[in-house]
Amino acid sequence: MRHDDLTTEMILQRLPEPLLAWFRGNARDLPWRRTTDPYRIWVSEIMLQQTRVAAVLGYYARFLEAFPSVEALAAAPEDQLMKLWEGLGYYSRARNLQKCARLVTEQYGGRFPADYDALLALPGIGEYTAGAIASAAFGLRVPAVDGNVLRVVTRVTDCHDDIMDPKTKKAVRAQVENIMPETAADIRIFNQATMELGATVCVPNGPPKCGDCPAAEFCLGRLRGTAEVLPVKKPKKARRAEEKTVFVLLRGGKTALCRRPDTGLLAGLWEFPNVEGTLDEAAAAKAVEAMGLTALEWERKLTAKHIFTHVEWHMTGYVLRVSGAGAPELEWVDGDGLREHAVPSAFGRYYAEAEKEIRDRR
């Protein structure tokens, strides 16, 4: 039979056996793959959302050392949780982790439910994460479809449907569910194997490594020469740009921080005082005065940019020495205090400058 005569179903039915054999011989040794503990698998899956594996490894180890159980996470002070999450971004994930941990502790006695629908009902857990926990922790025959899986399936089947369309994701999920193995041991690694193939061989942003792929023999994307243009994905809307002026205020060996609002971007985290717009030094001096302070010495001006999913911050920063009591919302911290506060990486350049200034003035 020619490959053009094969149906999508027939092609995908050929995938599990070589895929699982490949995974057992080639999978990266990652700590969350050495356990069937749903708590540890759940923490890893939440951390890995929008974040590279290499970046997660250190955070994962530190997080589990601080919170070795779901009960420990449920009882953790929020400031400690946010400090441990600092630098991972998407901080709502951390809040949902604790919300979920409290619910699991209160309603399920600290044990994650071995049921897909019950997992899906927990805070911060969507279809993908529920499927990942259900399969890897409990051996339940449930797919976990992320971007890697979508890429593998659309290339293997030469599917040119838009993967951002919910209908395409739903169709792929049904296809993956149909080919999942039957035994618990194989189920536990099948979703991981498909994701691993997408992450390391059937890679994004470049040509797939078809010579290393266990599906090369029957992959329609390779056979038809379309793999490099797949998957089809509509371009994202352009991010909007926001201009900000940031102040690293120095007074008596301390710098000022203020807390962000409880809702919205970077909710509840600490930041350097800032105002909207790009201010010159004269306008910046008036902004400082409005904070109840007097500018004494302007040290330097620093520009920085930070990119979020839907917005870019273009920041102009001033490092200056000030006097005065300051507005009540300002919290003055020394070097140790600065390190104890969860300041998002968006302010990384200003954080480093504040830390250096405090250290040099000791």
Protein backbone atom coordinates (compact mmCIF):
# COMPACT_ATOMS: atom_id res chain seq x y z
CA MET A 1 0.00 0.00 0.00
CA ARG A 2 1.32 3.44 -0.93
CA HIS A 3 1.59 6.00 1.84
CA ASP A 4 -0.92 8.19 -0.01
CA ASP A 5 -3.53 5.48 0.47
CA LEU A 6 -3.09 5.29 4.24
CA THR A 7 -5.74 6.86 6.44
CA THR A 8 -4.85 9.05 9.41
CA GLU A 9 -6.06 6.35 11.77
CA MET A 10 -3.95 3.66 10.11
CA ILE A 11 -0.84 5.85 10.26
CA LEU A 12 -1.25 6.77 13.92
CA GLN A 13 -1.90 3.16 14.90
CA ARG A 14 1.70 2.46 13.86
CA LEU A 15 3.12 5.08 16.23
CA PRO A 16 2.90 3.65 19.81
CA GLU A 17 5.22 0.63 19.52
CA PRO A 18 8.29 2.35 18.00
CA LEU A 19 7.61 5.50 20.04
CA LEU A 20 7.65 3.69 23.39
CA ALA A 21 10.76 1.70 22.43
CA TRP A 22 12.50 4.93 21.39
CA PHE A 23 11.49 6.68 24.64
CA ARG A 24 12.81 3.90 26.84
CA GLY A 25 16.18 4.16 25.13
CA ASN A 26 16.45 7.92 24.60
CA ALA A 27 14.39 9.83 27.18
CA ARG A 28 16.07 12.57 29.17
CA ASP A 29 16.53 11.68 32.83
CA LEU A 30 14.26 14.22 34.52
CA PRO A 31 13.34 14.08 38.23
CA TRP A 32 9.58 14.11 37.70
CA ARG A 33 9.90 11.03 35.50
CA ARG A 34 11.33 9.04 38.40
CA THR A 35 8.13 9.19 40.41
CA THR A 36 4.45 8.30 40.25
CA ASP A 37 3.63 10.72 43.08
CA PRO A 38 0.81 12.91 41.69
CA TYR A 39 1.94 15.86 43.85
CA ARG A 40 5.44 15.92 42.34
CA ILE A 41 4.15 15.33 38.82
CA TRP A 42 1.59 18.13 39.25
CA VAL A 43 4.23 20.61 40.50
CA SER A 44 6.46 19.82 37.52
CA GLU A 45 3.64 20.21 35.00
CA ILE A 46 2.64 23.61 36.37
CA MET A 47 6.25 24.81 36.40
CA LEU A 48 6.84 23.59 32.85
CA GLN A 49 3.97 25.66 31.44
CA GLN A 50 5.55 28.39 29.29
CA THR A 51 8.98 27.52 30.74
CA ARG A 52 11.95 25.53 29.42
CA VAL A 53 12.98 22.29 31.12
CA ALA A 54 16.50 23.58 31.87
CA ALA A 55 15.08 26.60 33.68
CA VAL A 56 12.69 24.49 35.78
CA LEU A 57 15.16 21.93 37.19
CA GLY A 58 16.62 24.13 39.95
CA TYR A 59 13.26 25.62 40.88
CA TYR A 60 11.69 22.16 41.09
CA ALA A 61 14.32 20.88 43.53
CA ARG A 62 14.14 23.98 45.76
CA PHE A 63 10.34 24.00 45.70
CA LEU A 64 10.03 20.38 46.80
CA GLU A 65 12.66 20.87 49.49
CA ALA A 66 10.60 23.74 50.92
CA PHE A 67 7.20 22.09 50.34
CA PRO A 68 7.68 18.30 50.29
CA SER A 69 3.96 17.56 50.45
CA VAL A 70 0.66 19.02 49.33
CA GLU A 71 -0.12 19.84 52.98
CA ALA A 72 3.14 21.79 53.32
CA LEU A 73 2.32 23.83 50.23
CA ALA A 74 -1.22 24.47 51.47
CA ALA A 75 0.13 25.89 54.75
CA ALA A 76 2.98 27.96 53.24
CA PRO A 77 3.13 31.75 53.75
CA GLU A 78 2.37 33.44 50.44
CA ASP A 79 5.52 35.58 50.56
CA GLN A 80 7.68 32.44 50.87
CA LEU A 81 5.84 30.82 47.96
CA MET A 82 6.25 33.88 45.75
CA LYS A 83 9.94 34.21 46.62
CA LEU A 84 10.56 30.58 45.62
CA TRP A 85 8.67 31.20 42.36
CA GLU A 86 10.58 34.43 41.63
CA GLY A 87 11.99 34.35 38.09
CA LEU A 88 9.67 31.64 36.76
CA GLY A 89 7.07 34.20 35.69
CA TYR A 90 3.32 33.74 35.21
CA TYR A 91 2.86 34.15 38.95
CA SER A 92 -0.82 33.27 38.88
CA ARG A 93 0.41 29.69 38.47
CA ALA A 94 1.93 29.80 41.96
CA ARG A 95 -1.25 31.18 43.50
CA ASN A 96 -3.33 28.52 41.79
CA LEU A 97 -0.89 25.88 43.05
CA GLN A 98 -1.56 26.90 46.62
CA LYS A 99 -5.29 27.25 46.05
CA CYS A 100 -5.33 23.74 44.59
CA ALA A 101 -3.15 22.37 47.41
CA ARG A 102 -5.57 23.73 50.00
CA LEU A 103 -8.55 22.22 48.24
CA VAL A 104 -6.84 18.81 47.89
CA THR A 105 -5.90 18.97 51.58
CA GLU A 106 -9.37 19.94 52.74
CA GLN A 107 -11.55 17.89 50.38
CA TYR A 108 -9.36 14.88 49.58
CA GLY A 109 -7.29 14.49 52.74
CA GLY A 110 -4.08 15.50 50.94
CA ARG A 111 -4.43 12.88 48.19
CA PHE A 112 -5.01 13.83 44.57
CA PRO A 113 -8.09 12.12 43.14
CA ALA A 114 -7.35 9.27 40.72
CA ASP A 115 -10.04 10.53 38.36
CA TYR A 116 -9.65 12.73 35.28
CA ASP A 117 -12.84 14.76 35.77
CA ALA A 118 -12.07 15.37 39.44
CA LEU A 119 -8.54 16.53 38.53
CA LEU A 120 -9.95 18.80 35.84
CA ALA A 121 -12.19 20.48 38.43
CA LEU A 122 -9.21 21.56 40.57
CA PRO A 123 -7.96 25.20 40.41
CA GLY A 124 -5.33 25.85 37.74
CA ILE A 125 -5.66 22.40 36.15
CA GLY A 126 -6.85 22.25 32.55
CA GLU A 127 -7.28 19.40 30.08
CA TYR A 128 -3.59 18.96 29.40
CA THR A 129 -2.45 18.98 33.06
CA ALA A 130 -5.30 16.72 34.16
CA GLY A 131 -4.34 14.26 31.42
CA ALA A 132 -0.65 14.40 32.34
CA ILE A 133 -1.35 13.66 36.02
CA ALA A 134 -4.01 11.03 35.30
CA SER A 135 -1.73 9.09 32.95
CA ALA A 136 1.71 9.46 34.58
CA ALA A 137 0.59 9.16 38.21
CA PHE A 138 -2.37 6.82 37.99
CA GLY A 139 -1.95 4.97 34.68
CA LEU A 140 -5.32 6.19 33.43
CA ARG A 141 -5.86 6.04 29.68
CA VAL A 142 -6.21 9.80 29.15
CA PRO A 143 -4.28 11.89 26.59
CA ALA A 144 -2.25 14.99 27.44
CA VAL A 145 -2.01 17.20 24.35
CA ASP A 146 0.41 20.12 24.41
CA GLY A 147 2.21 21.96 21.61
CA ASN A 148 4.74 19.16 21.21
CA VAL A 149 2.01 16.56 20.74
CA LEU A 150 0.14 18.75 18.28
CA ARG A 151 3.31 19.16 16.24
CA VAL A 152 4.10 15.44 16.21
CA VAL A 153 0.58 14.38 15.23
CA THR A 154 0.07 17.01 12.53
CA ARG A 155 3.45 16.18 10.95
CA VAL A 156 2.94 12.42 11.09
CA THR A 157 -0.52 12.75 9.49
CA ASP A 158 0.34 15.72 7.22
CA CYS A 159 -2.50 17.71 8.75
CA HIS A 160 -2.69 21.36 7.65
CA ASP A 161 -5.48 22.47 9.98
CA ASP A 162 -4.76 25.44 12.25
CA ILE A 163 -3.60 24.04 15.61
CA MET A 164 -4.86 27.17 17.37
CA ASP A 165 -8.41 26.25 16.36
CA PRO A 166 -10.10 24.41 19.26
CA LYS A 167 -11.63 21.98 16.74
CA THR A 168 -8.16 20.88 15.64
CA LYS A 169 -7.00 20.39 19.24
CA LYS A 170 -10.14 18.39 19.99
CA ALA A 171 -9.58 16.20 16.91
CA VAL A 172 -5.95 15.55 17.79
CA ARG A 173 -6.90 14.72 21.37
CA ALA A 174 -9.39 12.13 20.10
CA GLN A 175 -6.76 10.67 17.76
CA VAL A 176 -4.21 10.36 20.55
CA GLU A 177 -6.74 8.79 22.91
CA ASN A 178 -7.58 6.23 20.23
CA ILE A 179 -3.96 5.01 19.96
CA MET A 180 -3.01 5.05 23.65
CA PRO A 181 -1.72 1.69 24.92
CA GLU A 182 -3.74 -0.50 27.25
CA THR A 183 -1.29 -1.48 30.00
CA ALA A 184 -0.68 0.88 32.94
CA ALA A 185 3.11 0.75 32.53
CA ASP A 186 2.89 1.88 28.90
CA ILE A 187 0.14 4.41 29.62
CA ARG A 188 2.32 6.09 32.27
CA ILE A 189 4.98 6.96 29.70
CA PHE A 190 3.03 7.28 26.44
CA ASN A 191 2.08 10.96 26.79
CA GLN A 192 5.59 11.76 28.03
CA ALA A 193 7.07 9.89 25.07
CA THR A 194 5.05 11.86 22.54
CA MET A 195 5.99 15.14 24.21
CA GLU A 196 9.65 14.10 24.39
CA LEU A 197 9.66 13.30 20.69
CA GLY A 198 8.30 16.77 19.95
CA ALA A 199 10.76 18.47 22.29
CA THR A 200 13.94 16.73 21.15
CA VAL A 201 13.42 15.30 17.63
CA CYS A 202 10.27 16.67 15.97
CA VAL A 203 11.39 20.10 17.12
CA PRO A 204 9.82 23.54 16.66
CA ASN A 205 11.52 26.52 15.03
CA GLY A 206 13.69 24.50 12.72
CA PRO A 207 13.88 21.36 10.62
CA PRO A 208 12.82 18.14 12.39
CA LYS A 209 15.55 15.56 13.01
CA CYS A 210 13.87 12.92 10.87
CA GLY A 211 16.94 10.68 10.87
CA ASP A 212 16.48 10.15 14.63
CA CYS A 213 12.70 9.73 14.58
CA PRO A 214 11.00 6.40 15.34
CA ALA A 215 8.08 7.48 13.11
CA ALA A 216 10.20 8.37 10.06
CA GLU A 217 9.18 5.28 8.10
CA PHE A 218 5.49 6.20 8.03
CA CYS A 219 5.44 9.95 8.76
CA LEU A 220 3.50 11.62 5.95
CA GLY A 221 5.09 15.00 6.69
CA ARG A 222 8.52 13.52 5.96
CA LEU A 223 7.37 11.40 3.02
CA ARG A 224 5.57 14.31 1.35
CA GLY A 225 8.19 16.92 2.22
CA THR A 226 5.79 19.07 4.27
CA ALA A 227 7.15 18.50 7.78
CA GLU A 228 9.01 21.82 7.94
CA VAL A 229 5.88 23.87 7.20
CA LEU A 230 3.85 22.05 9.85
CA PRO A 231 2.09 22.64 12.10
CA VAL A 232 -0.07 25.39 10.65
CA LYS A 233 -0.54 28.12 13.23
CA LYS A 234 -2.16 31.50 12.73
CA PRO A 235 0.18 34.36 13.71
CA LYS A 236 -0.37 35.90 17.13
CA LYS A 237 -1.65 39.42 17.51
CA ALA A 238 1.10 41.97 17.95
CA ARG A 239 1.90 42.74 21.60
CA ARG A 240 1.01 46.22 22.77
CA ALA A 241 3.84 48.36 24.14
CA GLU A 242 3.65 50.22 27.45
CA GLU A 243 6.10 52.94 28.43
CA LYS A 244 7.14 53.15 32.09
CA THR A 245 9.52 55.19 34.21
CA VAL A 246 11.05 53.20 37.08
CA PHE A 247 12.73 54.66 40.17
CA VAL A 248 15.52 53.04 42.17
CA LEU A 249 15.27 55.29 45.20
CA LEU A 250 18.20 55.12 47.63
CA ARG A 251 18.08 56.42 51.19
CA GLY A 252 20.30 55.52 54.14
CA GLY A 253 21.53 52.21 52.71
CA LYS A 254 18.05 51.13 51.70
CA THR A 255 15.90 51.15 48.58
CA ALA A 256 12.15 51.54 48.18
CA LEU A 257 9.72 48.87 47.01
CA CYS A 258 5.95 48.90 46.73
CA ARG A 259 3.44 46.10 46.27
CA ARG A 260 1.51 45.66 43.04
CA PRO A 261 -2.31 45.43 43.10
CA ASP A 262 -3.90 42.12 44.12
CA THR A 263 -5.28 41.55 40.64
CA GLY A 264 -3.88 41.79 37.13
CA LEU A 265 -0.36 41.34 35.79
CA LEU A 266 2.19 40.30 38.46
CA ALA A 267 -0.54 40.60 41.09
CA GLY A 268 0.63 41.08 44.66
CA LEU A 269 4.36 41.04 43.89
CA TRP A 270 6.88 43.72 44.85
CA GLU A 271 8.25 46.27 42.39
CA PHE A 272 10.30 49.41 42.24
CA PRO A 273 8.11 52.53 42.25
CA ASN A 274 7.14 53.44 38.71
CA VAL A 275 4.78 55.63 36.73
CA GLU A 276 3.31 55.43 33.25
CA GLY A 277 5.11 57.16 30.40
CA THR A 278 8.70 58.08 29.63
CA LEU A 279 9.73 61.00 31.82
CA ASP A 280 12.70 63.29 31.39
CA GLU A 281 14.67 64.25 34.50
CA ALA A 282 12.55 67.32 35.27
CA ALA A 283 9.28 65.37 35.06
CA ALA A 284 10.87 62.51 36.99
CA ALA A 285 11.82 64.92 39.80
CA LYS A 286 8.17 65.98 40.09
CA ALA A 287 7.11 62.32 40.24
CA VAL A 288 9.59 61.76 43.07
CA GLU A 289 8.23 64.82 44.87
CA ALA A 290 4.72 63.37 44.55
CA MET A 291 6.01 60.32 46.46
CA GLY A 292 6.88 62.60 49.40
CA LEU A 293 10.61 62.64 48.63
CA THR A 294 13.26 65.11 47.51
CA ALA A 295 15.80 64.18 44.86
CA LEU A 296 19.33 64.80 46.14
CA GLU A 297 21.64 63.12 43.65
CA TRP A 298 20.85 61.59 40.27
CA GLU A 299 23.19 58.65 39.86
CA ARG A 300 22.34 57.22 36.43
CA LYS A 301 19.68 56.53 33.86
CA LEU A 302 18.99 52.94 32.71
CA THR A 303 16.72 51.61 30.00
CA ALA A 304 15.31 48.09 29.87
CA LYS A 305 12.66 46.08 28.08
CA HIS A 306 10.62 43.10 29.25
CA ILE A 307 8.34 41.00 27.09
CA PHE A 308 5.21 39.35 28.47
CA THR A 309 2.79 37.23 26.43
CA HIS A 310 0.53 40.11 25.39
CA VAL A 311 2.45 43.25 26.34
CA GLU A 312 5.95 44.73 26.25
CA TRP A 313 7.28 47.06 28.90
CA HIS A 314 9.69 49.70 27.63
CA MET A 315 11.28 51.10 30.77
CA THR A 316 13.32 54.20 31.48
CA GLY A 317 14.85 54.00 34.95
CA TYR A 318 16.47 56.53 37.26
CA VAL A 319 18.83 55.61 40.09
CA LEU A 320 18.88 58.47 42.59
CA ARG A 321 19.47 59.37 46.21
CA VAL A 322 16.59 60.95 48.05
CA SER A 323 15.55 62.35 51.41
CA GLY A 324 12.20 62.62 53.11
CA ALA A 325 9.70 60.31 54.79
CA GLY A 326 8.14 59.09 51.55
CA ALA A 327 4.64 57.88 50.81
CA PRO A 328 3.23 55.24 53.19
CA GLU A 329 3.00 52.63 50.42
CA LEU A 330 6.80 52.66 50.05
CA GLU A 331 8.66 49.95 51.97
CA TRP A 332 12.34 50.66 52.54
CA VAL A 333 14.53 47.57 52.54
CA ASP A 334 18.24 46.83 52.91
CA GLY A 335 20.08 44.15 50.92
CA ASP A 336 18.71 41.26 52.98
CA GLY A 337 15.21 42.69 52.81
CA LEU A 338 15.48 43.12 49.05
CA ARG A 339 16.38 39.45 48.64
CA GLU A 340 13.45 38.39 50.85
CA HIS A 341 10.87 40.20 48.69
CA ALA A 342 9.52 38.61 45.52
CA VAL A 343 10.48 41.08 42.80
CA PRO A 344 9.63 39.82 39.28
CA SER A 345 12.38 39.45 36.70
CA ALA A 346 10.80 42.26 34.66
CA PHE A 347 12.66 44.59 37.03
CA GLY A 348 15.87 42.54 36.89
CA ARG A 349 18.16 45.32 35.70
CA TYR A 350 16.92 47.70 38.40
CA TYR A 351 17.09 44.98 41.07
CA ALA A 352 20.77 44.36 40.25
CA GLU A 353 21.49 48.08 40.36
CA ALA A 354 19.76 48.51 43.73
CA GLU A 355 21.60 45.52 45.18
CA LYS A 356 24.95 46.87 43.98
CA GLU A 357 24.30 50.38 45.32
CA ILE A 358 23.31 49.06 48.76
CA ARG A 359 26.34 46.77 48.90
CA ASP A 360 28.78 49.49 47.81
CA ARG A 361 27.49 51.95 50.42
CA ARG A 362 28.06 49.63 53.39
